[in-house]
Amino acid sequence: MSVYYWIETRRWKREDRIRYHEDRYRIYTDFYKATADLSSKIWLDVIEEGPDFVEEDYQQLVLKLMNLKPHIEMVASAPVRDMARQITYQIQRAATFSTTSIDKEASLAGNIGKLGNEFAEAARKELGVTVSISQKPN
C-alpha cells in the first residue's frame, strides 16, 4: 500500500464526515424551522381567530415536518430522534381532536414550541454547536 493511497483514503473519509455533518445540520435546521413555523401559525390562529389562518398553510407545514422525520430517523442520535418523535406525536394527537378549542390550540402551540426548542438543543449538542448568550451590559 502506498503512502499516496493512505493519504487519499484518509482525505476521502474526512470529506465524507464533513458532508454527512452538513447534511444532518441542514435536515435538523429544516425540521426546527418547520416546527417553529407551525407553532407560530397555530399561535396566530389562537390570537387572531380570523381569516389570516389558512388551513392549506397548516397542512403544508405538517406535511413538511412529516416528510423530514424519516430523514431524522436515519441520521440522528437517539435524543434528537426522540424529540422529533415527540413533536410529530403532538401533531398526530392534535389531528384526532374532534373539535378544537382555543385552549387546545394554545396548548398545542405551546407544546410544539417547547419541544421544538428542546429538539434544537439536542441537535446542537449532537452537532457540537455551542450558542453563547452574551450578557447585556448594566
C-alpha atoms as a PDB file:
ATOM      1  CA  MET A   1       0.000   0.000   0.000  1.00  0.00           C
ATOM      2  CA  SER A   2       1.456   3.293  -0.981  1.00  0.00           C
ATOM      3  CA  VAL A   3       1.599   6.391   1.148  1.00  0.00           C
ATOM      4  CA  TYR A   4      -0.394   8.217  -1.532  1.00  0.00           C
ATOM      5  CA  TYR A   5      -3.254   5.697  -1.250  1.00  0.00           C
ATOM      6  CA  TRP A   6      -3.263   6.005   2.548  1.00  0.00           C
ATOM      7  CA  ILE A   7      -3.336   9.824   2.398  1.00  0.00           C
ATOM      8  CA  GLU A   8      -6.142   9.873  -0.188  1.00  0.00           C
ATOM      9  CA  THR A   9      -8.206   7.355   1.764  1.00  0.00           C
ATOM     10  CA  ARG A  10      -7.977   9.472   4.901  1.00  0.00           C
ATOM     11  CA  ARG A  11      -8.900  12.600   2.930  1.00  0.00           C
ATOM     12  CA  TRP A  12     -11.963  10.873   1.397  1.00  0.00           C
ATOM     13  CA  LYS A  13     -13.121   9.671   4.814  1.00  0.00           C
ATOM     14  CA  ARG A  14     -12.710  13.177   6.274  1.00  0.00           C
ATOM     15  CA  GLU A  15     -14.678  14.700   3.378  1.00  0.00           C
ATOM     16  CA  ASP A  16     -17.447  12.139   3.885  1.00  0.00           C
ATOM     17  CA  ARG A  17     -17.654  13.002   7.605  1.00  0.00           C
ATOM     18  CA  ILE A  18     -17.854  16.716   6.801  1.00  0.00           C
ATOM     19  CA  ARG A  19     -20.519  16.175   4.128  1.00  0.00           C
ATOM     20  CA  TYR A  20     -22.517  13.951   6.500  1.00  0.00           C
ATOM     21  CA  HIS A  21     -22.304  16.633   9.203  1.00  0.00           C
ATOM     22  CA  GLU A  22     -23.553  19.293   6.759  1.00  0.00           C
ATOM     23  CA  ASP A  23     -26.456  17.068   5.683  1.00  0.00           C
ATOM     24  CA  ARG A  24     -27.542  16.499   9.287  1.00  0.00           C
ATOM     25  CA  TYR A  25     -27.260  20.221  10.013  1.00  0.00           C
ATOM     26  CA  ARG A  26     -29.498  21.034   7.029  1.00  0.00           C
ATOM     27  CA  ILE A  27     -32.089  18.380   7.941  1.00  0.00           C
ATOM     28  CA  TYR A  28     -32.181  19.453  11.593  1.00  0.00           C
ATOM     29  CA  THR A  29     -32.435  23.117  10.672  1.00  0.00           C
ATOM     30  CA  ASP A  30     -35.280  22.448   8.231  1.00  0.00           C
ATOM     31  CA  PHE A  31     -37.164  20.405  10.838  1.00  0.00           C
ATOM     32  CA  TYR A  32     -36.627  23.028  13.544  1.00  0.00           C
ATOM     33  CA  LYS A  33     -37.741  25.840  11.226  1.00  0.00           C
ATOM     34  CA  ALA A  34     -40.881  23.930  10.202  1.00  0.00           C
ATOM     35  CA  THR A  35     -41.627  23.276  13.888  1.00  0.00           C
ATOM     36  CA  ALA A  36     -41.231  26.961  14.752  1.00  0.00           C
ATOM     37  CA  ASP A  37     -43.346  27.993  11.745  1.00  0.00           C
ATOM     38  CA  LEU A  38     -46.098  25.561  12.727  1.00  0.00           C
ATOM     39  CA  SER A  39     -46.110  26.752  16.336  1.00  0.00           C
ATOM     40  CA  SER A  40     -46.268  30.370  15.157  1.00  0.00           C
ATOM     41  CA  LYS A  41     -49.063  29.594  12.706  1.00  0.00           C
ATOM     42  CA  ILE A  42     -51.138  27.966  15.451  1.00  0.00           C
ATOM     43  CA  TRP A  43     -50.483  30.893  17.820  1.00  0.00           C
ATOM     44  CA  LEU A  44     -51.649  33.317  15.130  1.00  0.00           C
ATOM     45  CA  ASP A  45     -54.848  31.324  14.837  1.00  0.00           C
ATOM     46  CA  VAL A  46     -55.339  31.446  18.622  1.00  0.00           C
ATOM     47  CA  ILE A  47     -54.688  35.179  18.841  1.00  0.00           C
ATOM     48  CA  GLU A  48     -56.480  36.397  15.754  1.00  0.00           C
ATOM     49  CA  GLU A  49     -59.160  33.742  15.303  1.00  0.00           C
ATOM     50  CA  GLY A  50     -59.631  35.123  11.843  1.00  0.00           C
ATOM     51  CA  PRO A  51     -59.086  34.632   8.151  1.00  0.00           C
ATOM     52  CA  ASP A  52     -55.306  35.042   8.328  1.00  0.00           C
ATOM     53  CA  PHE A  53     -55.017  31.393   9.307  1.00  0.00           C
ATOM     54  CA  VAL A  54     -55.073  29.380   6.110  1.00  0.00           C
ATOM     55  CA  GLU A  55     -55.696  25.662   6.513  1.00  0.00           C
ATOM     56  CA  GLU A  56     -53.534  24.848   3.482  1.00  0.00           C
ATOM     57  CA  ASP A  57     -50.547  26.583   5.112  1.00  0.00           C
ATOM     58  CA  TYR A  58     -51.032  24.492   8.233  1.00  0.00           C
ATOM     59  CA  GLN A  59     -51.260  21.315   6.168  1.00  0.00           C
ATOM     60  CA  GLN A  60     -48.103  22.204   4.227  1.00  0.00           C
ATOM     61  CA  LEU A  61     -46.159  22.741   7.449  1.00  0.00           C
ATOM     62  CA  VAL A  62     -47.391  19.453   8.911  1.00  0.00           C
ATOM     63  CA  LEU A  63     -46.527  17.664   5.672  1.00  0.00           C
ATOM     64  CA  LYS A  64     -43.035  19.190   5.688  1.00  0.00           C
ATOM     65  CA  LEU A  65     -42.435  18.006   9.261  1.00  0.00           C
ATOM     66  CA  MET A  66     -43.719  14.520   8.491  1.00  0.00           C
ATOM     67  CA  ASN A  67     -41.537  14.320   5.368  1.00  0.00           C
ATOM     68  CA  LEU A  68     -38.414  15.357   7.299  1.00  0.00           C
ATOM     69  CA  LYS A  69     -38.992  12.891  10.133  1.00  0.00           C
ATOM     70  CA  PRO A  70     -37.794   9.785   8.197  1.00  0.00           C
ATOM     71  CA  HIS A  71     -34.558  11.597   7.372  1.00  0.00           C
ATOM     72  CA  ILE A  72     -34.056  12.352  11.057  1.00  0.00           C
ATOM     73  CA  GLU A  73     -34.818   8.718  11.915  1.00  0.00           C
ATOM     74  CA  MET A  74     -31.984   7.653   9.617  1.00  0.00           C
ATOM     75  CA  VAL A  75     -29.216  10.049  10.638  1.00  0.00           C
ATOM     76  CA  ALA A  76     -29.921  11.397  14.114  1.00  0.00           C
ATOM     77  CA  SER A  77     -28.785  10.337  17.539  1.00  0.00           C
ATOM     78  CA  ALA A  78     -31.338   8.898  19.962  1.00  0.00           C
ATOM     79  CA  PRO A  79     -32.021  12.213  21.786  1.00  0.00           C
ATOM     80  CA  VAL A  80     -32.685  14.059  18.509  1.00  0.00           C
ATOM     81  CA  ARG A  81     -34.891  11.237  17.183  1.00  0.00           C
ATOM     82  CA  ASP A  82     -36.852  11.190  20.443  1.00  0.00           C
ATOM     83  CA  MET A  83     -37.553  14.917  20.265  1.00  0.00           C
ATOM     84  CA  ALA A  84     -38.672  14.651  16.620  1.00  0.00           C
ATOM     85  CA  ARG A  85     -40.959  11.769  17.587  1.00  0.00           C
ATOM     86  CA  GLN A  86     -42.482  13.794  20.422  1.00  0.00           C
ATOM     87  CA  ILE A  87     -43.177  16.706  18.089  1.00  0.00           C
ATOM     88  CA  THR A  88     -44.818  14.545  15.432  1.00  0.00           C
ATOM     89  CA  TYR A  89     -46.763  12.694  18.139  1.00  0.00           C
ATOM     90  CA  GLN A  90     -48.210  16.010  19.368  1.00  0.00           C
ATOM     91  CA  ILE A  91     -49.249  16.867  15.824  1.00  0.00           C
ATOM     92  CA  GLN A  92     -50.812  13.448  15.215  1.00  0.00           C
ATOM     93  CA  ARG A  93     -52.624  13.626  18.557  1.00  0.00           C
ATOM     94  CA  ALA A  94     -53.991  17.062  17.679  1.00  0.00           C
ATOM     95  CA  ALA A  95     -55.322  15.671  14.399  1.00  0.00           C
ATOM     96  CA  THR A  96     -57.550  13.302  16.379  1.00  0.00           C
ATOM     97  CA  PHE A  97     -59.374  16.129  18.181  1.00  0.00           C
ATOM     98  CA  SER A  98     -62.979  16.114  17.020  1.00  0.00           C
ATOM     99  CA  THR A  99     -63.310  19.766  17.916  1.00  0.00           C
ATOM    100  CA  THR A 100     -60.598  22.232  18.612  1.00  0.00           C
ATOM    101  CA  SER A 101     -60.950  24.954  21.172  1.00  0.00           C
ATOM    102  CA  ILE A 102     -58.800  27.986  21.657  1.00  0.00           C
ATOM    103  CA  ASP A 103     -57.388  26.380  24.807  1.00  0.00           C
ATOM    104  CA  LYS A 104     -56.422  23.187  22.958  1.00  0.00           C
ATOM    105  CA  GLU A 105     -54.799  25.162  20.144  1.00  0.00           C
ATOM    106  CA  ALA A 106     -52.880  27.335  22.611  1.00  0.00           C
ATOM    107  CA  SER A 107     -51.715  24.244  24.463  1.00  0.00           C
ATOM    108  CA  LEU A 108     -50.669  22.594  21.199  1.00  0.00           C
ATOM    109  CA  ALA A 109     -48.762  25.676  20.055  1.00  0.00           C
ATOM    110  CA  GLY A 110     -47.008  25.905  23.417  1.00  0.00           C
ATOM    111  CA  ASN A 111     -46.112  22.214  23.433  1.00  0.00           C
ATOM    112  CA  ILE A 112     -44.786  22.276  19.877  1.00  0.00           C
ATOM    113  CA  GLY A 113     -42.781  25.432  20.570  1.00  0.00           C
ATOM    114  CA  LYS A 114     -41.282  23.963  23.757  1.00  0.00           C
ATOM    115  CA  LEU A 115     -40.477  20.642  22.089  1.00  0.00           C
ATOM    116  CA  GLY A 116     -39.018  22.487  19.098  1.00  0.00           C
ATOM    117  CA  ASN A 117     -36.603  24.307  21.395  1.00  0.00           C
ATOM    118  CA  GLU A 118     -35.667  21.027  23.072  1.00  0.00           C
ATOM    119  CA  PHE A 119     -35.142  19.483  19.614  1.00  0.00           C
ATOM    120  CA  ALA A 120     -32.824  22.347  18.666  1.00  0.00           C
ATOM    121  CA  GLU A 121     -30.861  21.934  21.893  1.00  0.00           C
ATOM    122  CA  ALA A 122     -30.438  18.172  21.318  1.00  0.00           C
ATOM    123  CA  ALA A 123     -29.410  18.801  17.690  1.00  0.00           C
ATOM    124  CA  ARG A 124     -26.868  21.451  18.704  1.00  0.00           C
ATOM    125  CA  LYS A 125     -25.402  19.106  21.289  1.00  0.00           C
ATOM    126  CA  GLU A 126     -25.113  16.291  18.739  1.00  0.00           C
ATOM    127  CA  LEU A 127     -23.535  18.553  16.130  1.00  0.00           C
ATOM    128  CA  GLY A 128     -21.188  20.162  18.622  1.00  0.00           C
ATOM    129  CA  VAL A 129     -22.621  23.614  18.060  1.00  0.00           C
ATOM    130  CA  THR A 130     -22.430  25.930  21.026  1.00  0.00           C
ATOM    131  CA  VAL A 131     -24.531  29.014  21.376  1.00  0.00           C
ATOM    132  CA  SER A 132     -23.180  31.702  23.631  1.00  0.00           C
ATOM    133  CA  ILE A 133     -25.672  34.076  25.106  1.00  0.00           C
ATOM    134  CA  SER A 134     -23.995  37.394  25.661  1.00  0.00           C
ATOM    135  CA  GLN A 135     -24.968  39.275  28.735  1.00  0.00           C
ATOM    136  CA  LYS A 136     -26.273  42.779  28.354  1.00  0.00           C
ATOM    137  CA  PRO A 137     -24.107  45.453  29.946  1.00  0.00           C
ATOM    138  CA  ASN A 138     -25.559  47.024  33.065  1.00  0.00           C
END
